[in-house]
C-alpha atoms as a PDB file:
ATOM      1  CA  MET A   1      98.387  90.950  77.417  1.00  0.00           C
ATOM      2  CA  MET A   2      99.261  91.716  81.002  1.00  0.00           C
ATOM      3  CA  ALA A   3      99.994  88.755  83.278  1.00  0.00           C
ATOM      4  CA  ARG A   4      97.313  88.397  85.931  1.00  0.00           C
ATOM      5  CA  MET A   5      98.349  88.439  89.590  1.00  0.00           C
ATOM      6  CA  GLU A   6      97.052  85.824  92.014  1.00  0.00           C
ATOM      7  CA  ILE A   7      95.735  86.436  95.526  1.00  0.00           C
ATOM      8  CA  ALA A   8      98.896  85.072  97.135  1.00  0.00           C
ATOM      9  CA  GLU A   9     101.006  87.490  95.089  1.00  0.00           C
ATOM     10  CA  HIS A  10      98.918  90.435  96.241  1.00  0.00           C
ATOM     11  CA  VAL A  11      99.187  89.316  99.865  1.00  0.00           C
ATOM     12  CA  ALA A  12     102.965  88.999  99.504  1.00  0.00           C
ATOM     13  CA  ALA A  13     103.117  92.508  98.019  1.00  0.00           C
ATOM     14  CA  LEU A  14     100.982  93.836 100.872  1.00  0.00           C
ATOM     15  CA  GLN A  15     103.394  92.265 103.350  1.00  0.00           C
ATOM     16  CA  ARG A  16     106.453  93.656 101.570  1.00  0.00           C
ATOM     17  CA  ASP A  17     105.227  97.219 101.109  1.00  0.00           C
ATOM     18  CA  GLY A  18     103.759  97.465 104.601  1.00  0.00           C
ATOM     19  CA  ASP A  19     107.111  96.465 106.069  1.00  0.00           C
ATOM     20  CA  LEU A  20     108.879  99.008 103.861  1.00  0.00           C
ATOM     21  CA  LEU A  21     106.351 101.683 104.853  1.00  0.00           C
ATOM     22  CA  ALA A  22     107.111 101.149 108.540  1.00  0.00           C
ATOM     23  CA  VAL A  23     110.852 101.365 107.946  1.00  0.00           C
ATOM     24  CA  ALA A  24     110.483 104.543 105.870  1.00  0.00           C
ATOM     25  CA  ALA A  25     108.162 106.183 108.411  1.00  0.00           C
ATOM     26  CA  GLU A  26     110.548 105.457 111.266  1.00  0.00           C
ATOM     27  CA  ARG A  27     113.495 106.783 109.275  1.00  0.00           C
ATOM     28  CA  ALA A  28     111.726 109.995 108.220  1.00  0.00           C
ATOM     29  CA  GLY A  29     110.188 110.717 111.635  1.00  0.00           C
ATOM     30  CA  LEU A  30     106.575 111.384 112.574  1.00  0.00           C
ATOM     31  CA  GLU A  31     106.824 115.136 112.041  1.00  0.00           C
ATOM     32  CA  ALA A  32     108.270 114.917 108.520  1.00  0.00           C
ATOM     33  CA  LYS A  33     106.125 116.394 105.774  1.00  0.00           C
ATOM     34  CA  VAL A  34     104.795 114.091 103.043  1.00  0.00           C
ATOM     35  CA  PRO A  35     105.453 115.928  99.737  1.00  0.00           C
ATOM     36  CA  SER A  36     103.036 113.754  97.745  1.00  0.00           C
ATOM     37  CA  CYS A  37     100.235 114.535 100.253  1.00  0.00           C
ATOM     38  CA  PRO A  38     101.009 118.191 101.037  1.00  0.00           C
ATOM     39  CA  SER A  39      98.682 118.563 104.015  1.00  0.00           C
ATOM     40  CA  TRP A  40     100.066 115.480 105.781  1.00  0.00           C
ATOM     41  CA  GLN A  41     102.913 114.655 108.072  1.00  0.00           C
ATOM     42  CA  VAL A  42     104.145 111.076 108.448  1.00  0.00           C
ATOM     43  CA  LYS A  43     102.008 110.661 111.565  1.00  0.00           C
ATOM     44  CA  ASP A  44      98.894 111.514 109.506  1.00  0.00           C
ATOM     45  CA  LEU A  45      99.883 108.950 106.902  1.00  0.00           C
ATOM     46  CA  LEU A  46     100.224 106.287 109.602  1.00  0.00           C
ATOM     47  CA  ARG A  47      96.820 107.104 111.088  1.00  0.00           C
ATOM     48  CA  HIS A  48      95.188 106.957 107.660  1.00  0.00           C
ATOM     49  CA  ILE A  49      96.659 103.660 106.484  1.00  0.00           C
ATOM     50  CA  SER A  50      96.297 102.040 109.912  1.00  0.00           C
ATOM     51  CA  TYR A  51      92.582 102.794 109.928  1.00  0.00           C
ATOM     52  CA  VAL A  52      92.151 101.592 106.339  1.00  0.00           C
ATOM     53  CA  HIS A  53      93.880  98.302 107.135  1.00  0.00           C
ATOM     54  CA  ARG A  54      91.555  97.669 110.080  1.00  0.00           C
ATOM     55  CA  TRP A  55      88.521  98.746 108.049  1.00  0.00           C
ATOM     56  CA  ALA A  56      89.388  96.326 105.243  1.00  0.00           C
ATOM     57  CA  ALA A  57      90.233  93.456 107.588  1.00  0.00           C
ATOM     58  CA  GLY A  58      86.820  93.815 109.239  1.00  0.00           C
ATOM     59  CA  TYR A  59      85.018  92.989 105.989  1.00  0.00           C
ATOM     60  CA  VAL A  60      87.172  89.912 105.421  1.00  0.00           C
ATOM     61  CA  VAL A  61      87.193  88.532 108.965  1.00  0.00           C
ATOM     62  CA  GLU A  62      83.532  89.215 109.733  1.00  0.00           C
ATOM     63  CA  GLN A  63      82.397  88.573 106.141  1.00  0.00           C
ATOM     64  CA  ARG A  64      80.219  91.659 106.168  1.00  0.00           C
ATOM     65  CA  THR A  65      78.013  91.679 103.097  1.00  0.00           C
ATOM     66  CA  GLU A  66      76.881  95.309 103.375  1.00  0.00           C
ATOM     67  CA  ARG A  67      78.882  98.512 103.528  1.00  0.00           C
ATOM     68  CA  LEU A  68      79.250  99.910 107.021  1.00  0.00           C
ATOM     69  CA  ARG A  69      77.534 103.245 107.473  1.00  0.00           C
ATOM     70  CA  GLY A  70      78.827 106.165 109.472  1.00  0.00           C
ATOM     71  CA  ARG A  71      82.550 105.705 108.929  1.00  0.00           C
ATOM     72  CA  PRO A  72      84.677 108.687 110.020  1.00  0.00           C
ATOM     73  CA  SER A  73      85.586 111.555 107.735  1.00  0.00           C
ATOM     74  CA  GLU A  74      89.248 111.982 106.806  1.00  0.00           C
ATOM     75  CA  THR A  75      89.518 114.782 109.378  1.00  0.00           C
ATOM     76  CA  GLU A  76      88.067 112.582 112.109  1.00  0.00           C
ATOM     77  CA  LEU A  77      90.238 109.677 111.042  1.00  0.00           C
ATOM     78  CA  LEU A  78      93.425 111.741 111.352  1.00  0.00           C
ATOM     79  CA  GLN A  79      92.424 112.774 114.862  1.00  0.00           C
ATOM     80  CA  GLY A  80      91.895 109.171 115.989  1.00  0.00           C
ATOM     81  CA  GLY A  81      94.158 106.354 116.961  1.00  0.00           C
ATOM     82  CA  PRO A  82      96.729 106.140 119.753  1.00  0.00           C
ATOM     83  CA  PRO A  83      99.241 108.793 120.909  1.00  0.00           C
ATOM     84  CA  ASP A  84     102.045 109.583 118.475  1.00  0.00           C
ATOM     85  CA  ALA A  85     104.579 107.497 120.386  1.00  0.00           C
ATOM     86  CA  GLU A  86     102.489 104.378 119.758  1.00  0.00           C
ATOM     87  CA  LEU A  87     101.679 104.969 116.086  1.00  0.00           C
ATOM     88  CA  LEU A  88     104.350 102.785 114.506  1.00  0.00           C
ATOM     89  CA  ASP A  89     103.484  99.802 116.685  1.00  0.00           C
ATOM     90  CA  TRP A  90      99.773 100.405 115.966  1.00  0.00           C
ATOM     91  CA  PHE A  91     100.466 100.447 112.243  1.00  0.00           C
ATOM     92  CA  ARG A  92     102.531  97.272 112.392  1.00  0.00           C
ATOM     93  CA  ALA A  93      99.843  95.438 114.385  1.00  0.00           C
ATOM     94  CA  GLY A  94      97.059  96.430 111.974  1.00  0.00           C
ATOM     95  CA  HIS A  95      99.158  95.580 108.948  1.00  0.00           C
ATOM     96  CA  ARG A  96     100.034  92.166 110.371  1.00  0.00           C
ATOM     97  CA  ALA A  97      96.373  91.462 111.165  1.00  0.00           C
ATOM     98  CA  LEU A  98      95.299  92.364 107.624  1.00  0.00           C
ATOM     99  CA  VAL A  99      97.982  90.184 106.039  1.00  0.00           C
ATOM    100  CA  ASP A 100      96.967  87.271 108.269  1.00  0.00           C
ATOM    101  CA  ALA A 101      93.262  87.778 107.546  1.00  0.00           C
ATOM    102  CA  LEU A 102      93.801  87.708 103.786  1.00  0.00           C
ATOM    103  CA  ALA A 103      96.291  84.837 103.885  1.00  0.00           C
ATOM    104  CA  THR A 104      93.984  82.561 105.906  1.00  0.00           C
ATOM    105  CA  ALA A 105      90.554  83.526 104.513  1.00  0.00           C
ATOM    106  CA  ASP A 106      88.389  80.979 102.722  1.00  0.00           C
ATOM    107  CA  PRO A 107      88.688  81.769  98.974  1.00  0.00           C
ATOM    108  CA  ALA A 108      84.926  81.224  98.674  1.00  0.00           C
ATOM    109  CA  MET A 109      83.988  83.662 101.442  1.00  0.00           C
ATOM    110  CA  GLN A 110      81.554  86.467 100.615  1.00  0.00           C
ATOM    111  CA  CYS A 111      81.692  90.091 101.749  1.00  0.00           C
ATOM    112  CA  TRP A 112      81.090  93.637 100.496  1.00  0.00           C
ATOM    113  CA  THR A 113      83.376  95.081  97.796  1.00  0.00           C
ATOM    114  CA  PHE A 114      83.306  98.193  95.630  1.00  0.00           C
ATOM    115  CA  LEU A 115      85.147  97.221  92.418  1.00  0.00           C
ATOM    116  CA  ASP A 116      84.699  94.274  90.071  1.00  0.00           C
ATOM    117  CA  ALA A 117      86.937  91.303  90.906  1.00  0.00           C
ATOM    118  CA  PRO A 118      87.005  87.508  90.480  1.00  0.00           C
ATOM    119  CA  SER A 119      86.026  87.159  94.146  1.00  0.00           C
ATOM    120  CA  PRO A 120      85.698  89.299  97.287  1.00  0.00           C
ATOM    121  CA  LEU A 121      88.985  87.919  98.585  1.00  0.00           C
ATOM    122  CA  ALA A 122      90.729  88.738  95.304  1.00  0.00           C
ATOM    123  CA  PHE A 123      89.302  92.270  95.487  1.00  0.00           C
ATOM    124  CA  TRP A 124      90.488  93.004  99.034  1.00  0.00           C
ATOM    125  CA  ALA A 125      93.934  91.473  98.501  1.00  0.00           C
ATOM    126  CA  ARG A 126      94.478  93.546  95.365  1.00  0.00           C
ATOM    127  CA  ARG A 127      93.004  96.770  96.737  1.00  0.00           C
ATOM    128  CA  GLN A 128      94.978  96.674  99.967  1.00  0.00           C
ATOM    129  CA  ALA A 129      98.189  95.719  98.203  1.00  0.00           C
ATOM    130  CA  HIS A 130      97.973  98.839  96.039  1.00  0.00           C
ATOM    131  CA  GLU A 131      96.645 101.067  98.821  1.00  0.00           C
ATOM    132  CA  THR A 132      99.676 100.119 100.888  1.00  0.00           C
ATOM    133  CA  ALA A 133     102.092 100.330  97.957  1.00  0.00           C
ATOM    134  CA  ILE A 134     101.184 103.914  97.096  1.00  0.00           C
ATOM    135  CA  HIS A 135     101.329 104.996 100.734  1.00  0.00           C
ATOM    136  CA  ARG A 136     104.685 103.222 101.085  1.00  0.00           C
ATOM    137  CA  VAL A 137     105.877 105.586  98.365  1.00  0.00           C
ATOM    138  CA  ASP A 138     104.489 108.516 100.369  1.00  0.00           C
ATOM    139  CA  ALA A 139     106.437 107.429 103.444  1.00  0.00           C
ATOM    140  CA  GLU A 140     109.637 107.011 101.438  1.00  0.00           C
ATOM    141  CA  LEU A 141     109.246 110.395  99.725  1.00  0.00           C
ATOM    142  CA  ALA A 142     108.998 112.002 103.164  1.00  0.00           C
ATOM    143  CA  GLY A 143     112.597 110.971 103.748  1.00  0.00           C
ATOM    144  CA  GLY A 144     114.104 110.788 100.270  1.00  0.00           C
ATOM    145  CA  ASP A 145     113.470 108.727  97.142  1.00  0.00           C
ATOM    146  CA  ALA A 146     110.963 105.930  96.566  1.00  0.00           C
ATOM    147  CA  SER A 147     112.208 102.416  95.892  1.00  0.00           C
ATOM    148  CA  PRO A 148     111.030 100.760  92.640  1.00  0.00           C
ATOM    149  CA  PHE A 149     108.161  98.324  92.115  1.00  0.00           C
ATOM    150  CA  PRO A 150     108.262  95.045  90.182  1.00  0.00           C
ATOM    151  CA  PRO A 151     106.910  95.717  86.658  1.00  0.00           C
ATOM    152  CA  LYS A 152     104.174  93.063  86.936  1.00  0.00           C
ATOM    153  CA  PHE A 153     102.836  94.579  90.156  1.00  0.00           C
ATOM    154  CA  ALA A 154     103.002  98.116  88.773  1.00  0.00           C
ATOM    155  CA  ALA A 155     101.060  97.092  85.649  1.00  0.00           C
ATOM    156  CA  ASP A 156      98.458  95.447  87.858  1.00  0.00           C
ATOM    157  CA  GLY A 157      98.107  98.713  89.769  1.00  0.00           C
ATOM    158  CA  ILE A 158      97.643 100.702  86.568  1.00  0.00           C
ATOM    159  CA  ASP A 159      94.966  98.230  85.512  1.00  0.00           C
ATOM    160  CA  GLU A 160      93.132  98.574  88.828  1.00  0.00           C
ATOM    161  CA  LEU A 161      93.214 102.365  88.630  1.00  0.00           C
ATOM    162  CA  ILE A 162      92.013 102.630  85.028  1.00  0.00           C
ATOM    163  CA  MET A 163      89.703  99.642  84.654  1.00  0.00           C
ATOM    164  CA  GLY A 164      88.526  99.634  88.273  1.00  0.00           C
ATOM    165  CA  PHE A 165      88.239 103.157  89.662  1.00  0.00           C
ATOM    166  CA  PHE A 166      87.852 105.043  86.390  1.00  0.00           C
ATOM    167  CA  GLY A 167      85.976 102.207  84.719  1.00  0.00           C
ATOM    168  CA  ARG A 168      82.937 102.901  86.889  1.00  0.00           C
ATOM    169  CA  ASP A 169      82.666 106.624  86.099  1.00  0.00           C
ATOM    170  CA  GLY A 170      80.710 106.626  82.837  1.00  0.00           C
ATOM    171  CA  ALA A 171      77.199 106.634  84.297  1.00  0.00           C
ATOM    172  CA  GLU A 172      77.925 109.852  86.182  1.00  0.00           C
ATOM    173  CA  LEU A 173      78.608 112.004  83.121  1.00  0.00           C
ATOM    174  CA  SER A 174      76.309 114.757  81.932  1.00  0.00           C
ATOM    175  CA  PRO A 175      75.717 115.489  78.213  1.00  0.00           C
ATOM    176  CA  GLU A 176      77.922 118.572  78.572  1.00  0.00           C
ATOM    177  CA  GLN A 177      80.782 116.520  79.959  1.00  0.00           C
ATOM    178  CA  ARG A 178      80.456 113.954  77.192  1.00  0.00           C
ATOM    179  CA  ALA A 179      80.662 116.683  74.578  1.00  0.00           C
ATOM    180  CA  GLY A 180      84.180 117.654  75.692  1.00  0.00           C
ATOM    181  CA  LEU A 181      85.787 114.240  76.059  1.00  0.00           C
ATOM    182  CA  ARG A 182      89.522 113.860  75.424  1.00  0.00           C
ATOM    183  CA  SER A 183      91.396 110.583  74.981  1.00  0.00           C
ATOM    184  CA  LEU A 184      94.535 109.305  76.702  1.00  0.00           C
ATOM    185  CA  GLN A 185      96.583 106.219  75.793  1.00  0.00           C
ATOM    186  CA  VAL A 186      98.838 104.568  78.419  1.00  0.00           C
ATOM    187  CA  GLU A 187     101.491 102.095  77.248  1.00  0.00           C
ATOM    188  CA  ALA A 188     103.643 100.012  79.608  1.00  0.00           C
ATOM    189  CA  THR A 189     106.463  99.137  77.260  1.00  0.00           C
ATOM    190  CA  ASP A 190     108.295  96.733  79.585  1.00  0.00           C
ATOM    191  CA  VAL A 191     105.323  94.381  80.059  1.00  0.00           C
ATOM    192  CA  GLY A 192     103.596  94.866  76.707  1.00  0.00           C
ATOM    193  CA  ALA A 193     100.347  96.209  78.173  1.00  0.00           C
ATOM    194  CA  ALA A 194      98.255  99.228  77.211  1.00  0.00           C
ATOM    195  CA  TRP A 195      95.071 101.030  78.263  1.00  0.00           C
ATOM    196  CA  TRP A 196      92.997 103.918  76.970  1.00  0.00           C
ATOM    197  CA  LEU A 197      90.571 106.371  78.530  1.00  0.00           C
ATOM    198  CA  GLU A 198      88.140 109.017  77.333  1.00  0.00           C
ATOM    199  CA  LEU A 199      88.325 111.731  79.995  1.00  0.00           C
ATOM    200  CA  THR A 200      86.232 114.763  80.776  1.00  0.00           C
ATOM    201  CA  ALA A 201      87.950 118.062  80.032  1.00  0.00           C
ATOM    202  CA  ASP A 202      88.905 118.482  83.701  1.00  0.00           C
ATOM    203  CA  GLY A 203      90.310 114.945  83.892  1.00  0.00           C
ATOM    204  CA  MET A 204      88.107 113.992  86.834  1.00  0.00           C
ATOM    205  CA  LEU A 205      85.922 111.318  85.222  1.00  0.00           C
ATOM    206  CA  ALA A 206      86.161 108.776  82.406  1.00  0.00           C
ATOM    207  CA  ALA A 207      83.323 108.055  79.998  1.00  0.00           C
ATOM    208  CA  ASN A 208      84.968 104.959  78.552  1.00  0.00           C
ATOM    209  CA  VAL A 209      88.043 102.881  79.336  1.00  0.00           C
ATOM    210  CA  GLY A 210      89.629  99.827  77.783  1.00  0.00           C
ATOM    211  CA  ARG A 211      92.699  97.652  77.500  1.00  0.00           C
ATOM    212  CA  GLY A 212      94.912  97.693  74.436  1.00  0.00           C
ATOM    213  CA  VAL A 213      95.346 100.259  71.684  1.00  0.00           C
ATOM    214  CA  SER A 214      92.805 103.067  71.782  1.00  0.00           C
ATOM    215  CA  ALA A 215      89.303 102.183  70.651  1.00  0.00           C
ATOM    216  CA  ALA A 216      87.932 105.485  71.898  1.00  0.00           C
ATOM    217  CA  LYS A 217      84.845 106.701  70.112  1.00  0.00           C
ATOM    218  CA  SER A 218      86.606 109.967  69.388  1.00  0.00           C
ATOM    219  CA  GLY A 219      89.272 108.180  67.317  1.00  0.00           C
ATOM    220  CA  PRO A 220      93.016 107.764  67.961  1.00  0.00           C
ATOM    221  CA  ALA A 221      94.226 108.950  71.360  1.00  0.00           C
ATOM    222  CA  GLN A 222      94.946 112.661  71.555  1.00  0.00           C
ATOM    223  CA  CYS A 223      97.784 112.006  74.005  1.00  0.00           C
ATOM    224  CA  THR A 224      99.965 108.951  74.611  1.00  0.00           C
ATOM    225  CA  VAL A 225     102.246 108.385  77.588  1.00  0.00           C
ATOM    226  CA  ALA A 226     104.595 105.419  77.343  1.00  0.00           C
ATOM    227  CA  GLY A 227     107.379 103.870  79.377  1.00  0.00           C
ATOM    228  CA  PRO A 228     108.134 101.295  82.078  1.00  0.00           C
ATOM    229  CA  ALA A 229     105.168 100.210  84.179  1.00  0.00           C
ATOM    230  CA  PRO A 230     106.733 101.252  87.536  1.00  0.00           C
ATOM    231  CA  ASP A 231     107.198 104.831  86.295  1.00  0.00           C
ATOM    232  CA  LEU A 232     103.692 104.951  84.794  1.00  0.00           C
ATOM    233  CA  TYR A 233     102.217 103.604  88.037  1.00  0.00           C
ATOM    234  CA  LEU A 234     103.713 106.459  90.036  1.00  0.00           C
ATOM    235  CA  LEU A 235     102.807 109.034  87.393  1.00  0.00           C
ATOM    236  CA  LEU A 236      99.152 108.006  87.184  1.00  0.00           C
ATOM    237  CA  TRP A 237      98.833 108.039  90.980  1.00  0.00           C
ATOM    238  CA  ASN A 238     100.430 111.519  90.983  1.00  0.00           C
ATOM    239  CA  ARG A 239     103.512 110.333  92.847  1.00  0.00           C
ATOM    240  CA  ALA A 240     105.928 111.313  90.055  1.00  0.00           C
ATOM    241  CA  GLN A 241     106.371 114.008  87.447  1.00  0.00           C
ATOM    242  CA  PRO A 242     105.926 113.384  83.693  1.00  0.00           C
ATOM    243  CA  ALA A 243     109.645 114.085  83.270  1.00  0.00           C
ATOM    244  CA  THR A 244     110.473 110.841  85.124  1.00  0.00           C
ATOM    245  CA  ALA A 245     113.278 109.064  83.267  1.00  0.00           C
ATOM    246  CA  GLY A 246     112.013 106.652  80.650  1.00  0.00           C
ATOM    247  CA  LEU A 247     108.553 108.150  80.051  1.00  0.00           C
ATOM    248  CA  GLN A 248     107.614 109.612  76.681  1.00  0.00           C
ATOM    249  CA  VAL A 249     104.597 111.861  76.145  1.00  0.00           C
ATOM    250  CA  SER A 250     103.334 112.505  72.620  1.00  0.00           C
ATOM    251  CA  GLY A 251     100.323 114.394  71.287  1.00  0.00           C
ATOM    252  CA  ASP A 252      98.356 116.936  73.310  1.00  0.00           C
ATOM    253  CA  TYR A 253     100.190 117.249  76.626  1.00  0.00           C
ATOM    254  CA  ALA A 254      97.193 119.098  78.114  1.00  0.00           C
ATOM    255  CA  VAL A 255      95.235 115.813  78.177  1.00  0.00           C
ATOM    256  CA  LEU A 256      97.795 114.270  80.532  1.00  0.00           C
ATOM    257  CA  GLU A 257      97.831 117.435  82.614  1.00  0.00           C
ATOM    258  CA  SER A 258      94.048 117.292  82.967  1.00  0.00           C
ATOM    259  CA  TRP A 259      94.451 113.799  84.456  1.00  0.00           C
ATOM    260  CA  ARG A 260      97.174 114.970  86.825  1.00  0.00           C
ATOM    261  CA  ASN A 261      95.158 117.985  87.946  1.00  0.00           C
ATOM    262  CA  GLY A 262      91.785 116.251  88.187  1.00  0.00           C
ATOM    263  CA  MET A 263      92.360 112.610  89.127  1.00  0.00           C
ATOM    264  CA  ARG A 264      91.416 111.904  92.738  1.00  0.00           C
ATOM    265  CA  VAL A 265      90.772 108.688  94.638  1.00  0.00           C
ATOM    266  CA  THR A 266      89.604 109.822  98.060  1.00  0.00           C
ATOM    267  CA  TRP A 267      88.459 108.244 101.299  1.00  0.00           C
ATOM    268  CA  GLN A 268      84.946 109.688 101.005  1.00  0.00           C
END
């Protein structure tokens, strides 16, 4: 079983990866292209994550119990914020405010969330830690190679992606989509954790998900991808190629490709 991360650990990870993101963005330069987000430059990445940090902090600080309506589209978001010359300082200020808000919040406080969690504070600490971690990778890839994640944190991120984001998809499936389900097994060999999913043929939605060895209704997993949690974390967030050292893919490779081609976690 995967070791559970505590709120303080998520806040520490948020602090660490936000600091690394700023360093990587400054090193790469605002005009550098972000290969993992092909339409973005580093300045777009900074505008996106800076807005998300402020958006998340607002729920925690103001303890808003309902989702805010009328938030900007991604296009509008990337056109907002300060002039380019002020972007790094703006990012650092928003990141610092979010870390402080999470570190000092009452553990019993209530606010709006959008994934299951032990508490609202636990949700926002975890979500923003992984939001920032993945975008830290984006900033580093704009200037070279991404630095590794601790295995425990990476496994936690895989769990959030599969059990959180994809775990809420099942109600959206049509009978036609259910008829073509394909199963994927994910095994983090360094931390002894595993997950399984039954995906639509295009890889965009999951009918069922679970922890452990596949219990998919369709039988044993049609494809298994196994290796260290940090490599799997980047692969499943489409920040690495399946050929990453240490990963092994067995069974029907097309199932993994359907995930890579269809999986999207978007702002809207």
